[in-house]
Amino acid sequence: MFATAGRIAIASPARRAPILTTVALWADRVGQRRALAALTVEALKDIGIDPADAMQEAAKPFWVA
C-alpha cells in the first residue's frame, strides 16, 4: 500500500508479484541454509561439501545469494 495525498492506494497484482517472488526466494534460502547448518560433518562429507564451506554458506544473510 502506498499513501497518496491522504488516500491509500493498493498495489496492483502485477506490482505485487515481484515482491512476493522475492520474499519466497528469501524464505527458501533461509530453509536451505538452516538445513545445511543442521547436517553433520559426516553427512556433509558424504555429499562432497567441505564443512567449513557449508558453515560459511549457512552464515550468510538471506538476502545474499
C-alpha atoms as a PDB file:
ATOM      1  CA  MET A   1       0.000   0.000   0.000  1.00  0.00           C
ATOM      2  CA  PHE A   2       1.117   3.493  -0.738  1.00  0.00           C
ATOM      3  CA  ALA A   3      -0.095   6.737   0.809  1.00  0.00           C
ATOM      4  CA  THR A   4      -1.003   9.336  -1.796  1.00  0.00           C
ATOM      5  CA  ALA A   5      -2.492  12.725  -0.881  1.00  0.00           C
ATOM      6  CA  GLY A   6      -4.387  11.442   2.120  1.00  0.00           C
ATOM      7  CA  ARG A   7      -5.608   8.301   0.387  1.00  0.00           C
ATOM      8  CA  ILE A   8      -4.258   4.772   0.389  1.00  0.00           C
ATOM      9  CA  ALA A   9      -3.524   3.117  -2.925  1.00  0.00           C
ATOM     10  CA  ILE A  10      -3.373  -0.672  -3.091  1.00  0.00           C
ATOM     11  CA  ALA A  11      -0.543  -2.058  -5.206  1.00  0.00           C
ATOM     12  CA  SER A  12      -1.778  -3.832  -8.307  1.00  0.00           C
ATOM     13  CA  PRO A  13      -1.279  -7.605  -8.576  1.00  0.00           C
ATOM     14  CA  ALA A  14       1.335  -7.045 -11.286  1.00  0.00           C
ATOM     15  CA  ARG A  15       3.295  -4.815  -8.924  1.00  0.00           C
ATOM     16  CA  ARG A  16       2.975  -7.264  -6.008  1.00  0.00           C
ATOM     17  CA  ALA A  17       4.188 -10.307  -7.972  1.00  0.00           C
ATOM     18  CA  PRO A  18       7.912  -9.406  -7.964  1.00  0.00           C
ATOM     19  CA  ILE A  19       7.749  -8.594  -4.255  1.00  0.00           C
ATOM     20  CA  LEU A  20       6.109 -11.921  -3.431  1.00  0.00           C
ATOM     21  CA  THR A  21       8.607 -13.758  -5.619  1.00  0.00           C
ATOM     22  CA  THR A  22      11.486 -12.109  -3.761  1.00  0.00           C
ATOM     23  CA  VAL A  23      10.017 -12.938  -0.351  1.00  0.00           C
ATOM     24  CA  ALA A  24       9.505 -16.558  -1.429  1.00  0.00           C
ATOM     25  CA  LEU A  25      13.124 -16.730  -2.627  1.00  0.00           C
ATOM     26  CA  TRP A  26      14.367 -15.354   0.697  1.00  0.00           C
ATOM     27  CA  ALA A  27      12.243 -17.843   2.651  1.00  0.00           C
ATOM     28  CA  ASP A  28      13.628 -20.677   0.534  1.00  0.00           C
ATOM     29  CA  ARG A  29      17.198 -19.553   1.230  1.00  0.00           C
ATOM     30  CA  VAL A  30      16.518 -19.450   4.969  1.00  0.00           C
ATOM     31  CA  GLY A  31      15.207 -23.020   4.891  1.00  0.00           C
ATOM     32  CA  GLN A  32      18.063 -24.331   2.792  1.00  0.00           C
ATOM     33  CA  ARG A  33      20.698 -22.676   4.960  1.00  0.00           C
ATOM     34  CA  ARG A  34      19.116 -23.968   8.154  1.00  0.00           C
ATOM     35  CA  ALA A  35      19.053 -27.476   6.694  1.00  0.00           C
ATOM     36  CA  LEU A  36      22.682 -27.150   5.617  1.00  0.00           C
ATOM     37  CA  ALA A  37      23.709 -25.969   9.088  1.00  0.00           C
ATOM     38  CA  ALA A  38      21.909 -28.941  10.661  1.00  0.00           C
ATOM     39  CA  LEU A  39      23.873 -31.555   8.691  1.00  0.00           C
ATOM     40  CA  THR A  40      26.578 -33.471  10.495  1.00  0.00           C
ATOM     41  CA  VAL A  41      30.202 -33.384   9.369  1.00  0.00           C
ATOM     42  CA  GLU A  42      29.813 -36.967   8.158  1.00  0.00           C
ATOM     43  CA  ALA A  43      26.724 -36.107   6.121  1.00  0.00           C
ATOM     44  CA  LEU A  44      28.488 -33.130   4.542  1.00  0.00           C
ATOM     45  CA  LYS A  45      31.458 -35.298   3.609  1.00  0.00           C
ATOM     46  CA  ASP A  46      29.092 -37.897   2.125  1.00  0.00           C
ATOM     47  CA  ILE A  47      27.662 -35.297  -0.254  1.00  0.00           C
ATOM     48  CA  GLY A  48      31.072 -33.813  -1.035  1.00  0.00           C
ATOM     49  CA  ILE A  49      30.774 -30.494   0.796  1.00  0.00           C
ATOM     50  CA  ASP A  50      33.567 -29.181   2.985  1.00  0.00           C
ATOM     51  CA  PRO A  51      32.176 -28.472   6.479  1.00  0.00           C
ATOM     52  CA  ALA A  52      33.870 -25.041   6.589  1.00  0.00           C
ATOM     53  CA  ASP A  53      32.284 -24.102   3.250  1.00  0.00           C
ATOM     54  CA  ALA A  54      28.903 -25.300   4.480  1.00  0.00           C
ATOM     55  CA  MET A  55      29.105 -23.202   7.633  1.00  0.00           C
ATOM     56  CA  GLN A  56      30.209 -20.164   5.652  1.00  0.00           C
ATOM     57  CA  GLU A  57      27.218 -20.586   3.340  1.00  0.00           C
ATOM     58  CA  ALA A  58      24.817 -21.179   6.230  1.00  0.00           C
ATOM     59  CA  ALA A  59      26.004 -17.994   7.939  1.00  0.00           C
ATOM     60  CA  LYS A  60      25.110 -15.760   5.001  1.00  0.00           C
ATOM     61  CA  PRO A  61      22.121 -13.435   5.452  1.00  0.00           C
ATOM     62  CA  PHE A  62      19.012 -14.428   3.494  1.00  0.00           C
ATOM     63  CA  TRP A  63      19.267 -11.523   1.081  1.00  0.00           C
ATOM     64  CA  VAL A  64      22.739 -12.609  -0.144  1.00  0.00           C
ATOM     65  CA  ALA A  65      22.802 -15.158  -2.937  1.00  0.00           C
END
